[in-house]
Amino acid sequence: MKFNIEADVTPEELRKLMGWPDVEKFQQEMFEQIRAQMKSGAEGYDPLSLMRPFLTQSLQSMDLLQKVMGGAMRGYTGQTKKGSEE
């Protein structure tokens, strides 16, 4: 069986739907600081170590979203565990 869900929402609508905060201003400030440090050639500056906590959090959020969607689909189909029926 193949099941597709298509949602036509903007990123802003999805953010509000999921209850995520608006971090656009924070991101802009962060990127400005990164640019300033890159231009000044700050010694020991490593962009990857600066972004690692945010990348990890993003991956965890995506994993949580997948689990929520999977649970909703199992509930909709009447399955309690993957591959088993009630």
Protein backbone atom coordinates (compact mmCIF):
# COMPACT_ATOMS: atom_id res chain seq x y z
CA MET A 1 0.00 0.00 0.00
CA LYS A 2 1.25 3.44 -0.82
CA PHE A 3 -0.07 6.41 1.10
CA ASN A 4 0.85 10.04 0.32
CA ILE A 5 0.07 13.16 2.26
CA GLU A 6 0.52 16.50 0.58
CA ALA A 7 0.34 19.72 2.57
CA ASP A 8 0.38 23.09 0.85
CA VAL A 9 1.67 25.40 3.56
CA THR A 10 4.31 28.09 3.67
CA PRO A 11 7.30 27.76 6.01
CA GLU A 12 5.75 30.46 8.20
CA GLU A 13 2.43 28.56 8.41
CA LEU A 14 4.23 25.31 9.27
CA ARG A 15 6.24 27.07 11.99
CA LYS A 16 3.05 28.42 13.56
CA LEU A 17 1.24 25.08 13.16
CA MET A 18 4.05 23.23 14.97
CA GLY A 19 4.28 25.93 17.67
CA TRP A 20 7.92 26.73 16.85
CA PRO A 21 9.26 30.17 17.77
CA ASP A 22 10.15 32.77 15.16
CA VAL A 23 13.96 32.87 15.25
CA GLU A 24 14.59 34.91 12.11
CA LYS A 25 16.01 37.93 13.98
CA PHE A 26 18.22 35.66 16.09
CA GLN A 27 19.50 33.95 12.93
CA GLN A 28 20.28 37.29 11.29
CA GLU A 29 22.24 38.48 14.34
CA MET A 30 24.12 35.18 14.49
CA PHE A 31 25.07 35.33 10.81
CA GLU A 32 26.24 38.93 11.20
CA GLN A 33 28.52 37.85 14.05
CA ILE A 34 29.84 34.95 11.98
CA ARG A 35 30.55 37.28 9.04
CA ALA A 36 32.33 39.76 11.32
CA GLN A 37 34.53 37.02 12.78
CA MET A 38 35.29 35.61 9.33
CA LYS A 39 36.24 39.07 8.02
CA SER A 40 38.46 39.79 11.01
CA GLY A 41 40.14 36.39 10.66
CA ALA A 42 39.54 35.46 14.29
CA GLU A 43 42.12 32.89 15.38
CA GLY A 44 40.70 29.49 16.24
CA TYR A 45 37.37 30.38 14.67
CA ASP A 46 35.59 27.20 13.58
CA PRO A 47 32.13 27.70 12.02
CA LEU A 48 31.30 23.98 12.32
CA SER A 49 31.79 23.93 16.10
CA LEU A 50 29.63 27.06 16.35
CA MET A 51 26.78 25.47 14.35
CA ARG A 52 27.00 21.91 15.75
CA PRO A 53 24.47 22.44 18.60
CA PHE A 54 21.92 23.88 16.16
CA LEU A 55 22.44 21.09 13.62
CA THR A 56 22.01 18.43 16.30
CA GLN A 57 18.84 20.06 17.57
CA SER A 58 17.43 20.27 14.02
CA LEU A 59 18.02 16.57 13.45
CA GLN A 60 16.35 15.71 16.76
CA SER A 61 13.35 17.88 15.83
CA MET A 62 13.01 16.13 12.47
CA ASP A 63 13.21 12.71 14.18
CA LEU A 64 10.48 13.77 16.62
CA LEU A 65 8.28 14.98 13.76
CA GLN A 66 8.68 11.62 12.00
CA LYS A 67 7.73 9.75 15.18
CA VAL A 68 4.65 11.94 15.69
CA MET A 69 3.52 11.44 12.09
CA GLY A 70 4.18 7.68 12.34
CA GLY A 71 2.17 7.45 15.55
CA ALA A 72 -0.68 9.37 13.98
CA MET A 73 -0.72 7.07 10.98
CA ARG A 74 -0.62 3.94 13.16
CA GLY A 75 -3.50 5.33 15.19
CA TYR A 76 -5.45 6.10 12.05
CA THR A 77 -4.94 2.60 10.64
CA GLY A 78 -5.70 0.92 13.97
CA GLN A 79 -2.21 -0.49 14.52
CA THR A 80 -0.60 -0.34 17.94
CA LYS A 81 2.93 -1.25 16.85
CA LYS A 82 4.68 -1.22 13.53
CA GLY A 83 3.30 -4.13 11.50
CA SER A 84 0.81 -5.40 14.13
CA GLU A 85 -2.92 -4.90 14.29
CA GLU A 86 -5.15 -4.60 17.35
